[in-house]
Amino acid sequence: MRTFLRILLALFVLSAANLSLAQDVKQHARGAVELGWRYFNKGDMDTALKRFNQSQILDPDFAPGYFGMAYVYSVQNKFDLAVHNYKKSIEKDPAHSDSYSNLGLALLYSNKPTEALPNLKKAIEIDPKNGDAQVNIALYYFGMADYSTAWKHIHLAQDNNAKVKPEFLNDLRKRMREPKKNGTK
């Protein structure tokens, strides 16, 4: 009986140690992502990528590391790599609206609009107040020459305080006069 209790106690201690180690790994992965964004904001994309990659090495299931890497690749116009990492981010965190929205945008820039649309819709389904997703889906509809629907999403984006590039608004206005927000012209 004593041997059994010692074995049970040893197993308990080992499980507690493993739990503590797992929490440390997650904390370090989170720290690497925070550093990645700091480097990104300073314009140091190479170091940002290294920090995001470090978070993936520390915790392969930590979605923000994949999202950060994808974001950098998007900024660098490396859309194949961006798409791959946004998909990994979604695999790890299927409720992250920004991953779907940015995946949709990367697919648009990769000239894959039919693949983009379901991801843009999913982003809005998850978070209807995601203004950036509203802008991105407006870009989709603009590309499809559905200017009325593009305006609808621009208005939703503006209602949610998203920044819309003035160049995009000007291009949209050249193709269709801006309707009033209630849907009338």
N, C-alpha and C. Protein backbone atom coordinates (compact mmCIF):
# COMPACT_ATOMS: atom_id res chain seq x y z
N MET A 1 0.83 -1.20 0.00
CA MET A 1 0.00 0.00 0.00
C MET A 1 0.87 1.26 0.00
N ARG A 2 1.96 1.23 0.79
CA ARG A 2 2.86 2.39 0.84
C ARG A 2 3.50 2.66 -0.51
N THR A 3 3.88 1.62 -1.21
CA THR A 3 4.50 1.78 -2.52
C THR A 3 3.51 2.41 -3.48
N PHE A 4 2.27 1.97 -3.42
CA PHE A 4 1.24 2.53 -4.27
C PHE A 4 1.06 4.02 -4.00
N LEU A 5 1.03 4.41 -2.73
CA LEU A 5 0.88 5.82 -2.37
C LEU A 5 2.07 6.64 -2.85
N ARG A 6 3.29 6.07 -2.75
CA ARG A 6 4.48 6.78 -3.24
C ARG A 6 4.43 6.98 -4.76
N ILE A 7 3.99 5.94 -5.45
CA ILE A 7 3.87 6.04 -6.91
C ILE A 7 2.82 7.09 -7.27
N LEU A 8 1.70 7.07 -6.58
CA LEU A 8 0.64 8.03 -6.81
C LEU A 8 1.12 9.45 -6.53
N LEU A 9 1.86 9.64 -5.45
CA LEU A 9 2.42 10.96 -5.12
C LEU A 9 3.42 11.40 -6.18
N ALA A 10 4.26 10.51 -6.65
CA ALA A 10 5.24 10.83 -7.69
C ALA A 10 4.54 11.24 -8.98
N LEU A 11 3.49 10.53 -9.35
CA LEU A 11 2.73 10.88 -10.54
C LEU A 11 2.07 12.25 -10.40
N PHE A 12 1.58 12.54 -9.21
CA PHE A 12 0.96 13.84 -8.96
C PHE A 12 1.99 14.96 -9.10
N VAL A 13 3.17 14.77 -8.55
CA VAL A 13 4.24 15.77 -8.63
C VAL A 13 4.66 15.98 -10.09
N LEU A 14 4.81 14.88 -10.83
CA LEU A 14 5.20 15.00 -12.24
C LEU A 14 4.12 15.72 -13.05
N SER A 15 2.85 15.43 -12.78
CA SER A 15 1.78 16.12 -13.52
C SER A 15 1.78 17.61 -13.21
N ALA A 16 1.98 17.96 -11.95
CA ALA A 16 2.03 19.38 -11.58
C ALA A 16 3.21 20.06 -12.26
N ALA A 17 4.34 19.39 -12.33
CA ALA A 17 5.52 19.97 -13.00
C ALA A 17 5.26 20.16 -14.49
N ASN A 18 4.62 19.19 -15.12
CA ASN A 18 4.30 19.30 -16.55
C ASN A 18 3.33 20.44 -16.81
N LEU A 19 2.34 20.61 -15.92
CA LEU A 19 1.38 21.69 -16.07
C LEU A 19 2.09 23.04 -15.94
N SER A 20 2.99 23.16 -14.97
CA SER A 20 3.74 24.39 -14.79
C SER A 20 4.61 24.69 -16.00
N LEU A 21 5.25 23.66 -16.55
CA LEU A 21 6.10 23.82 -17.73
C LEU A 21 5.26 24.27 -18.93
N ALA A 22 4.09 23.68 -19.10
CA ALA A 22 3.21 24.05 -20.21
C ALA A 22 2.78 25.51 -20.10
N GLN A 23 2.49 25.95 -18.87
CA GLN A 23 2.11 27.35 -18.67
C GLN A 23 3.28 28.28 -18.99
N ASP A 24 4.50 27.89 -18.61
CA ASP A 24 5.69 28.68 -18.92
C ASP A 24 5.90 28.79 -20.42
N VAL A 25 5.72 27.69 -21.14
CA VAL A 25 5.89 27.68 -22.59
C VAL A 25 4.89 28.64 -23.24
N LYS A 26 3.63 28.58 -22.81
CA LYS A 26 2.61 29.47 -23.36
C LYS A 26 2.96 30.93 -23.08
N GLN A 27 3.46 31.19 -21.90
CA GLN A 27 3.84 32.56 -21.53
C GLN A 27 5.00 33.04 -22.41
N HIS A 28 5.97 32.19 -22.65
CA HIS A 28 7.11 32.57 -23.49
C HIS A 28 6.67 32.75 -24.95
N ALA A 29 5.75 31.93 -25.41
CA ALA A 29 5.22 32.08 -26.78
C ALA A 29 4.50 33.41 -26.91
N ARG A 30 3.71 33.75 -25.89
CA ARG A 30 3.00 35.03 -25.88
C ARG A 30 4.00 36.20 -25.90
N GLY A 31 5.07 36.07 -25.12
CA GLY A 31 6.10 37.10 -25.09
C GLY A 31 6.79 37.26 -26.44
N ALA A 32 7.04 36.15 -27.12
CA ALA A 32 7.68 36.21 -28.45
C ALA A 32 6.77 36.93 -29.44
N VAL A 33 5.45 36.70 -29.35
CA VAL A 33 4.52 37.38 -30.24
C VAL A 33 4.49 38.88 -29.94
N GLU A 34 4.49 39.23 -28.66
CA GLU A 34 4.52 40.66 -28.30
C GLU A 34 5.77 41.33 -28.85
N LEU A 35 6.90 40.65 -28.74
CA LEU A 35 8.14 41.19 -29.32
C LEU A 35 8.03 41.30 -30.84
N GLY A 36 7.43 40.30 -31.46
CA GLY A 36 7.23 40.33 -32.91
C GLY A 36 6.48 41.58 -33.34
N TRP A 37 5.41 41.91 -32.61
CA TRP A 37 4.64 43.11 -32.98
C TRP A 37 5.44 44.38 -32.72
N ARG A 38 6.26 44.39 -31.68
CA ARG A 38 7.11 45.58 -31.45
C ARG A 38 8.07 45.78 -32.61
N TYR A 39 8.71 44.70 -33.05
CA TYR A 39 9.63 44.81 -34.18
C TYR A 39 8.87 45.19 -35.46
N PHE A 40 7.70 44.63 -35.64
CA PHE A 40 6.88 44.98 -36.80
C PHE A 40 6.59 46.48 -36.81
N ASN A 41 6.15 47.00 -35.66
CA ASN A 41 5.81 48.42 -35.57
C ASN A 41 7.02 49.33 -35.78
N LYS A 42 8.21 48.81 -35.56
CA LYS A 42 9.44 49.58 -35.82
C LYS A 42 9.89 49.42 -37.27
N GLY A 43 9.20 48.55 -38.03
CA GLY A 43 9.55 48.34 -39.43
C GLY A 43 10.61 47.27 -39.64
N ASP A 44 10.97 46.54 -38.60
CA ASP A 44 11.97 45.48 -38.71
C ASP A 44 11.26 44.15 -38.96
N MET A 45 10.94 43.91 -40.22
CA MET A 45 10.14 42.73 -40.59
C MET A 45 10.90 41.42 -40.38
N ASP A 46 12.21 41.43 -40.65
CA ASP A 46 12.98 40.19 -40.48
C ASP A 46 12.97 39.72 -39.03
N THR A 47 13.21 40.65 -38.11
CA THR A 47 13.22 40.27 -36.69
C THR A 47 11.81 39.93 -36.22
N ALA A 48 10.82 40.64 -36.73
CA ALA A 48 9.43 40.31 -36.38
C ALA A 48 9.11 38.88 -36.78
N LEU A 49 9.50 38.51 -38.00
CA LEU A 49 9.27 37.13 -38.46
C LEU A 49 9.98 36.13 -37.55
N LYS A 50 11.18 36.44 -37.13
CA LYS A 50 11.92 35.53 -36.24
C LYS A 50 11.20 35.36 -34.90
N ARG A 51 10.65 36.43 -34.36
CA ARG A 51 9.94 36.33 -33.07
C ARG A 51 8.64 35.53 -33.25
N PHE A 52 7.91 35.79 -34.34
CA PHE A 52 6.68 35.02 -34.56
C PHE A 52 7.01 33.54 -34.76
N ASN A 53 8.08 33.27 -35.47
CA ASN A 53 8.51 31.89 -35.68
C ASN A 53 8.91 31.26 -34.34
N GLN A 54 9.58 32.03 -33.51
CA GLN A 54 9.98 31.52 -32.19
C GLN A 54 8.75 31.11 -31.39
N SER A 55 7.68 31.89 -31.48
CA SER A 55 6.47 31.53 -30.73
C SER A 55 5.90 30.22 -31.23
N GLN A 56 6.01 29.97 -32.54
CA GLN A 56 5.52 28.71 -33.11
C GLN A 56 6.37 27.53 -32.64
N ILE A 57 7.66 27.76 -32.52
CA ILE A 57 8.55 26.70 -32.04
C ILE A 57 8.24 26.39 -30.59
N LEU A 58 8.03 27.43 -29.79
CA LEU A 58 7.72 27.23 -28.38
C LEU A 58 6.37 26.55 -28.17
N ASP A 59 5.39 26.98 -28.95
CA ASP A 59 4.04 26.42 -28.81
C ASP A 59 3.40 26.33 -30.19
N PRO A 60 3.53 25.19 -30.84
CA PRO A 60 2.99 25.01 -32.20
C PRO A 60 1.47 25.20 -32.29
N ASP A 61 0.77 25.23 -31.17
CA ASP A 61 -0.68 25.41 -31.19
C ASP A 61 -1.10 26.84 -30.89
N PHE A 62 -0.15 27.76 -30.80
CA PHE A 62 -0.44 29.15 -30.43
C PHE A 62 -0.74 29.97 -31.69
N ALA A 63 -2.01 30.19 -31.94
CA ALA A 63 -2.47 30.84 -33.18
C ALA A 63 -1.87 32.22 -33.43
N PRO A 64 -1.69 33.08 -32.41
CA PRO A 64 -1.16 34.42 -32.69
C PRO A 64 0.22 34.42 -33.37
N GLY A 65 1.02 33.39 -33.17
CA GLY A 65 2.31 33.32 -33.85
C GLY A 65 2.13 33.17 -35.36
N TYR A 66 1.18 32.34 -35.75
CA TYR A 66 0.90 32.14 -37.18
C TYR A 66 0.27 33.41 -37.78
N PHE A 67 -0.63 34.03 -37.02
CA PHE A 67 -1.27 35.25 -37.49
C PHE A 67 -0.23 36.34 -37.73
N GLY A 68 0.68 36.52 -36.77
CA GLY A 68 1.71 37.55 -36.91
C GLY A 68 2.58 37.30 -38.12
N MET A 69 2.98 36.06 -38.31
CA MET A 69 3.80 35.73 -39.48
C MET A 69 3.05 36.01 -40.76
N ALA A 70 1.80 35.62 -40.81
CA ALA A 70 0.98 35.85 -42.00
C ALA A 70 0.84 37.34 -42.28
N TYR A 71 0.68 38.12 -41.23
CA TYR A 71 0.52 39.56 -41.40
C TYR A 71 1.77 40.18 -42.02
N VAL A 72 2.93 39.78 -41.51
CA VAL A 72 4.19 40.29 -42.07
C VAL A 72 4.30 39.88 -43.53
N TYR A 73 4.01 38.63 -43.83
CA TYR A 73 4.09 38.17 -45.22
C TYR A 73 3.12 38.94 -46.11
N SER A 74 1.95 39.30 -45.59
CA SER A 74 1.00 40.09 -46.37
C SER A 74 1.58 41.46 -46.69
N VAL A 75 2.17 42.09 -45.70
CA VAL A 75 2.78 43.40 -45.90
C VAL A 75 3.91 43.32 -46.92
N GLN A 76 4.60 42.20 -46.94
CA GLN A 76 5.70 42.00 -47.88
C GLN A 76 5.22 41.49 -49.25
N ASN A 77 3.92 41.40 -49.44
CA ASN A 77 3.32 40.89 -50.69
C ASN A 77 3.73 39.45 -50.99
N LYS A 78 4.00 38.68 -49.97
CA LYS A 78 4.29 37.24 -50.12
C LYS A 78 3.01 36.49 -49.77
N PHE A 79 2.06 36.58 -50.69
CA PHE A 79 0.71 36.13 -50.36
C PHE A 79 0.57 34.62 -50.21
N ASP A 80 1.38 33.83 -50.90
CA ASP A 80 1.31 32.38 -50.71
C ASP A 80 1.68 32.01 -49.28
N LEU A 81 2.74 32.64 -48.77
CA LEU A 81 3.15 32.39 -47.39
C LEU A 81 2.12 32.95 -46.41
N ALA A 82 1.55 34.10 -46.73
CA ALA A 82 0.52 34.69 -45.87
C ALA A 82 -0.69 33.76 -45.79
N VAL A 83 -1.15 33.29 -46.94
CA VAL A 83 -2.31 32.40 -46.97
C VAL A 83 -2.05 31.16 -46.13
N HIS A 84 -0.88 30.56 -46.30
CA HIS A 84 -0.53 29.36 -45.53
C HIS A 84 -0.62 29.62 -44.03
N ASN A 85 -0.04 30.73 -43.58
CA ASN A 85 -0.02 31.02 -42.15
C ASN A 85 -1.37 31.47 -41.61
N TYR A 86 -2.16 32.19 -42.41
CA TYR A 86 -3.52 32.52 -41.96
C TYR A 86 -4.34 31.24 -41.79
N LYS A 87 -4.17 30.30 -42.70
CA LYS A 87 -4.89 29.02 -42.57
C LYS A 87 -4.46 28.28 -41.31
N LYS A 88 -3.16 28.31 -40.99
CA LYS A 88 -2.67 27.67 -39.75
C LYS A 88 -3.26 28.39 -38.53
N SER A 89 -3.34 29.70 -38.59
CA SER A 89 -3.92 30.47 -37.49
C SER A 89 -5.37 30.07 -37.27
N ILE A 90 -6.12 29.93 -38.36
CA ILE A 90 -7.53 29.52 -38.27
C ILE A 90 -7.64 28.09 -37.74
N GLU A 91 -6.74 27.23 -38.17
CA GLU A 91 -6.74 25.84 -37.69
C GLU A 91 -6.57 25.81 -36.16
N LYS A 92 -5.73 26.70 -35.64
CA LYS A 92 -5.46 26.73 -34.20
C LYS A 92 -6.52 27.50 -33.42
N ASP A 93 -7.14 28.50 -34.08
CA ASP A 93 -8.17 29.32 -33.43
C ASP A 93 -9.26 29.65 -34.44
N PRO A 94 -10.22 28.75 -34.61
CA PRO A 94 -11.26 28.95 -35.64
C PRO A 94 -12.25 30.07 -35.34
N ALA A 95 -12.12 30.74 -34.20
CA ALA A 95 -13.04 31.82 -33.87
C ALA A 95 -12.39 33.20 -34.04
N HIS A 96 -11.22 33.26 -34.66
CA HIS A 96 -10.50 34.52 -34.81
C HIS A 96 -10.91 35.21 -36.11
N SER A 97 -11.80 36.17 -35.99
CA SER A 97 -12.36 36.88 -37.14
C SER A 97 -11.30 37.51 -38.03
N ASP A 98 -10.28 38.13 -37.42
CA ASP A 98 -9.25 38.80 -38.22
C ASP A 98 -8.47 37.83 -39.10
N SER A 99 -8.29 36.60 -38.65
CA SER A 99 -7.59 35.62 -39.48
C SER A 99 -8.38 35.33 -40.75
N TYR A 100 -9.69 35.17 -40.62
CA TYR A 100 -10.52 34.94 -41.81
C TYR A 100 -10.53 36.16 -42.73
N SER A 101 -10.64 37.34 -42.13
CA SER A 101 -10.68 38.57 -42.91
C SER A 101 -9.38 38.77 -43.68
N ASN A 102 -8.25 38.61 -43.00
CA ASN A 102 -6.96 38.81 -43.66
C ASN A 102 -6.66 37.70 -44.66
N LEU A 103 -7.11 36.48 -44.36
CA LEU A 103 -6.97 35.39 -45.34
C LEU A 103 -7.74 35.75 -46.60
N GLY A 104 -8.96 36.24 -46.43
CA GLY A 104 -9.75 36.65 -47.58
C GLY A 104 -9.06 37.73 -48.40
N LEU A 105 -8.47 38.70 -47.72
CA LEU A 105 -7.78 39.78 -48.43
C LEU A 105 -6.54 39.25 -49.16
N ALA A 106 -5.79 38.38 -48.50
CA ALA A 106 -4.61 37.79 -49.16
C ALA A 106 -5.02 36.98 -50.39
N LEU A 107 -6.14 36.30 -50.30
CA LEU A 107 -6.64 35.54 -51.45
C LEU A 107 -7.10 36.48 -52.57
N LEU A 108 -7.70 37.62 -52.20
CA LEU A 108 -8.07 38.61 -53.22
C LEU A 108 -6.82 39.10 -53.95
N TYR A 109 -5.78 39.42 -53.18
CA TYR A 109 -4.54 39.90 -53.79
C TYR A 109 -3.83 38.80 -54.57
N SER A 110 -4.16 37.56 -54.28
CA SER A 110 -3.61 36.42 -55.04
C SER A 110 -4.47 36.08 -56.25
N ASN A 111 -5.46 36.95 -56.52
CA ASN A 111 -6.38 36.75 -57.64
C ASN A 111 -7.20 35.47 -57.51
N LYS A 112 -7.67 35.22 -56.27
CA LYS A 112 -8.51 34.06 -56.00
C LYS A 112 -9.80 34.50 -55.31
N PRO A 113 -10.61 35.31 -56.00
CA PRO A 113 -11.79 35.87 -55.35
C PRO A 113 -12.82 34.83 -54.90
N THR A 114 -12.95 33.72 -55.63
CA THR A 114 -13.95 32.73 -55.22
C THR A 114 -13.55 32.06 -53.91
N GLU A 115 -12.26 31.96 -53.65
CA GLU A 115 -11.79 31.42 -52.36
C GLU A 115 -11.88 32.49 -51.27
N ALA A 116 -11.75 33.75 -51.67
CA ALA A 116 -11.74 34.84 -50.70
C ALA A 116 -13.10 35.05 -50.05
N LEU A 117 -14.15 35.04 -50.84
CA LEU A 117 -15.48 35.41 -50.35
C LEU A 117 -15.94 34.61 -49.13
N PRO A 118 -15.85 33.27 -49.12
CA PRO A 118 -16.32 32.54 -47.93
C PRO A 118 -15.55 32.92 -46.66
N ASN A 119 -14.27 33.23 -46.81
CA ASN A 119 -13.49 33.64 -45.64
C ASN A 119 -13.90 35.02 -45.15
N LEU A 120 -14.17 35.93 -46.07
CA LEU A 120 -14.62 37.26 -45.68
C LEU A 120 -15.99 37.19 -45.00
N LYS A 121 -16.87 36.36 -45.54
CA LYS A 121 -18.20 36.19 -44.93
C LYS A 121 -18.08 35.57 -43.54
N LYS A 122 -17.18 34.60 -43.39
CA LYS A 122 -16.98 33.95 -42.09
C LYS A 122 -16.47 34.96 -41.07
N ALA A 123 -15.57 35.85 -41.48
CA ALA A 123 -15.06 36.88 -40.57
C ALA A 123 -16.20 37.73 -40.03
N ILE A 124 -17.12 38.11 -40.91
CA ILE A 124 -18.25 38.95 -40.50
C ILE A 124 -19.26 38.14 -39.69
N GLU A 125 -19.41 36.88 -40.02
CA GLU A 125 -20.30 36.01 -39.24
C GLU A 125 -19.80 35.91 -37.80
N ILE A 126 -18.50 35.74 -37.64
CA ILE A 126 -17.91 35.64 -36.30
C ILE A 126 -18.03 36.96 -35.55
N ASP A 127 -17.75 38.06 -36.25
CA ASP A 127 -17.77 39.37 -35.62
C ASP A 127 -18.33 40.41 -36.58
N PRO A 128 -19.65 40.63 -36.55
CA PRO A 128 -20.27 41.59 -37.47
C PRO A 128 -19.74 43.02 -37.30
N LYS A 129 -19.12 43.31 -36.18
CA LYS A 129 -18.58 44.66 -35.93
C LYS A 129 -17.11 44.78 -36.32
N ASN A 130 -16.58 43.77 -36.98
CA ASN A 130 -15.20 43.82 -37.44
C ASN A 130 -15.14 44.74 -38.66
N GLY A 131 -14.79 45.99 -38.42
CA GLY A 131 -14.78 46.99 -39.47
C GLY A 131 -13.80 46.68 -40.58
N ASP A 132 -12.63 46.12 -40.23
CA ASP A 132 -11.65 45.77 -41.26
C ASP A 132 -12.19 44.68 -42.17
N ALA A 133 -12.92 43.74 -41.61
CA ALA A 133 -13.53 42.69 -42.44
C ALA A 133 -14.57 43.31 -43.38
N GLN A 134 -15.30 44.32 -42.89
CA GLN A 134 -16.28 44.99 -43.74
C GLN A 134 -15.59 45.71 -44.91
N VAL A 135 -14.44 46.33 -44.62
CA VAL A 135 -13.67 46.98 -45.69
C VAL A 135 -13.19 45.94 -46.69
N ASN A 136 -12.68 44.83 -46.19
CA ASN A 136 -12.15 43.80 -47.09
C ASN A 136 -13.23 43.19 -47.97
N ILE A 137 -14.41 42.98 -47.42
CA ILE A 137 -15.48 42.42 -48.25
C ILE A 137 -15.98 43.48 -49.24
N ALA A 138 -15.90 44.75 -48.86
CA ALA A 138 -16.23 45.82 -49.80
C ALA A 138 -15.26 45.80 -50.98
N LEU A 139 -13.98 45.54 -50.70
CA LEU A 139 -12.99 45.40 -51.78
C LEU A 139 -13.36 44.26 -52.72
N TYR A 140 -13.83 43.16 -52.14
CA TYR A 140 -14.27 42.03 -52.96
C TYR A 140 -15.39 42.47 -53.91
N TYR A 141 -16.43 43.09 -53.34
CA TYR A 141 -17.58 43.48 -54.17
C TYR A 141 -17.21 44.55 -55.18
N PHE A 142 -16.29 45.42 -54.83
CA PHE A 142 -15.78 46.40 -55.79
C PHE A 142 -15.15 45.67 -56.99
N GLY A 143 -14.34 44.67 -56.69
CA GLY A 143 -13.70 43.89 -57.75
C GLY A 143 -14.70 43.14 -58.62
N MET A 144 -15.86 42.83 -58.06
CA MET A 144 -16.91 42.13 -58.81
C MET A 144 -17.87 43.12 -59.48
N ALA A 145 -17.56 44.42 -59.38
CA ALA A 145 -18.38 45.50 -59.95
C ALA A 145 -19.78 45.57 -59.33
N ASP A 146 -19.91 45.09 -58.09
CA ASP A 146 -21.17 45.20 -57.34
C ASP A 146 -20.99 46.37 -56.37
N TYR A 147 -21.09 47.58 -56.92
CA TYR A 147 -20.75 48.79 -56.17
C TYR A 147 -21.76 49.10 -55.07
N SER A 148 -23.01 48.74 -55.27
CA SER A 148 -24.03 48.97 -54.25
C SER A 148 -23.70 48.17 -52.98
N THR A 149 -23.34 46.91 -53.16
CA THR A 149 -22.98 46.07 -52.01
C THR A 149 -21.66 46.54 -51.40
N ALA A 150 -20.75 46.99 -52.22
CA ALA A 150 -19.49 47.54 -51.70
C ALA A 150 -19.78 48.73 -50.79
N TRP A 151 -20.66 49.64 -51.24
CA TRP A 151 -21.03 50.79 -50.41
C TRP A 151 -21.67 50.34 -49.10
N LYS A 152 -22.53 49.36 -49.16
CA LYS A 152 -23.18 48.85 -47.94
C LYS A 152 -22.13 48.45 -46.91
N HIS A 153 -21.11 47.73 -47.36
CA HIS A 153 -20.07 47.28 -46.43
C HIS A 153 -19.15 48.42 -46.00
N ILE A 154 -18.93 49.39 -46.87
CA ILE A 154 -18.15 50.57 -46.48
C ILE A 154 -18.88 51.30 -45.35
N HIS A 155 -20.18 51.46 -45.48
CA HIS A 155 -20.95 52.13 -44.43
C HIS A 155 -20.90 51.35 -43.13
N LEU A 156 -21.00 50.04 -43.22
CA LEU A 156 -20.90 49.22 -42.00
C LEU A 156 -19.50 49.36 -41.38
N ALA A 157 -18.48 49.41 -42.21
CA ALA A 157 -17.11 49.60 -41.71
C ALA A 157 -16.99 50.94 -41.00
N GLN A 158 -17.51 51.99 -41.62
CA GLN A 158 -17.44 53.32 -41.02
C GLN A 158 -18.23 53.38 -39.72
N ASP A 159 -19.35 52.69 -39.67
CA ASP A 159 -20.14 52.63 -38.44
C ASP A 159 -19.35 51.97 -37.31
N ASN A 160 -18.40 51.14 -37.68
CA ASN A 160 -17.58 50.44 -36.68
C ASN A 160 -16.16 51.03 -36.59
N ASN A 161 -16.04 52.29 -37.00
CA ASN A 161 -14.81 53.07 -36.85
C ASN A 161 -13.60 52.49 -37.58
N ALA A 162 -13.83 51.76 -38.65
CA ALA A 162 -12.71 51.24 -39.45
C ALA A 162 -12.20 52.36 -40.35
N LYS A 163 -10.91 52.30 -40.61
CA LYS A 163 -10.31 53.27 -41.52
C LYS A 163 -10.46 52.74 -42.94
N VAL A 164 -10.97 53.60 -43.80
CA VAL A 164 -11.13 53.26 -45.21
C VAL A 164 -10.20 54.19 -45.98
N LYS A 165 -9.35 53.60 -46.80
CA LYS A 165 -8.40 54.42 -47.55
C LYS A 165 -9.16 55.38 -48.46
N PRO A 166 -8.77 56.66 -48.43
CA PRO A 166 -9.44 57.65 -49.29
C PRO A 166 -9.37 57.28 -50.77
N GLU A 167 -8.27 56.65 -51.20
CA GLU A 167 -8.14 56.25 -52.61
C GLU A 167 -9.23 55.25 -52.99
N PHE A 168 -9.53 54.34 -52.07
CA PHE A 168 -10.57 53.36 -52.35
C PHE A 168 -11.93 54.05 -52.44
N LEU A 169 -12.19 54.96 -51.50
CA LEU A 169 -13.46 55.69 -51.55
C LEU A 169 -13.59 56.49 -52.85
N ASN A 170 -12.51 57.13 -53.27
CA ASN A 170 -12.55 57.89 -54.52
C ASN A 170 -12.82 56.98 -55.71
N ASP A 171 -12.15 55.82 -55.74
CA ASP A 171 -12.39 54.87 -56.84
C ASP A 171 -13.83 54.39 -56.85
N LEU A 172 -14.37 54.14 -55.67
CA LEU A 172 -15.76 53.67 -55.58
C LEU A 172 -16.72 54.78 -56.02
N ARG A 173 -16.43 56.02 -55.61
CA ARG A 173 -17.28 57.16 -56.01
C ARG A 173 -17.25 57.38 -57.52
N LYS A 174 -16.13 57.07 -58.16
CA LYS A 174 -16.04 57.22 -59.61
C LYS A 174 -16.97 56.24 -60.33
N ARG A 175 -17.26 55.13 -59.68
CA ARG A 175 -18.09 54.10 -60.31
C ARG A 175 -19.55 54.18 -59.90
N MET A 176 -19.78 54.72 -58.70
CA MET A 176 -21.17 54.86 -58.24
C MET A 176 -21.22 55.95 -57.18
N ARG A 177 -22.18 56.81 -57.34
CA ARG A 177 -22.38 57.86 -56.35
C ARG A 177 -22.69 57.22 -55.00
N GLU A 178 -22.14 57.80 -53.96
CA GLU A 178 -22.34 57.22 -52.62
C GLU A 178 -23.80 57.33 -52.21
N PRO A 179 -24.43 56.18 -51.91
CA PRO A 179 -25.82 56.24 -51.44
C PRO A 179 -25.87 56.69 -49.98
N LYS A 180 -27.00 57.16 -49.57
CA LYS A 180 -27.18 57.49 -48.16
C LYS A 180 -27.15 56.20 -47.38
N LYS A 181 -26.77 56.30 -46.14
CA LYS A 181 -26.60 55.10 -45.32
C LYS A 181 -27.90 54.30 -45.14
N ASN A 182 -29.03 54.92 -45.29
CA ASN A 182 -30.29 54.17 -45.12
C ASN A 182 -30.66 53.40 -46.39
N GLY A 183 -29.80 53.48 -47.41
CA GLY A 183 -30.04 52.70 -48.62
C GLY A 183 -30.63 53.50 -49.77
N THR A 184 -31.06 54.74 -49.53
CA THR A 184 -31.60 55.55 -50.62
C THR A 184 -30.50 56.40 -51.23
N LYS A 185 -30.70 56.77 -52.48
CA LYS A 185 -29.69 57.59 -53.18
C LYS A 185 -29.99 59.05 -53.03
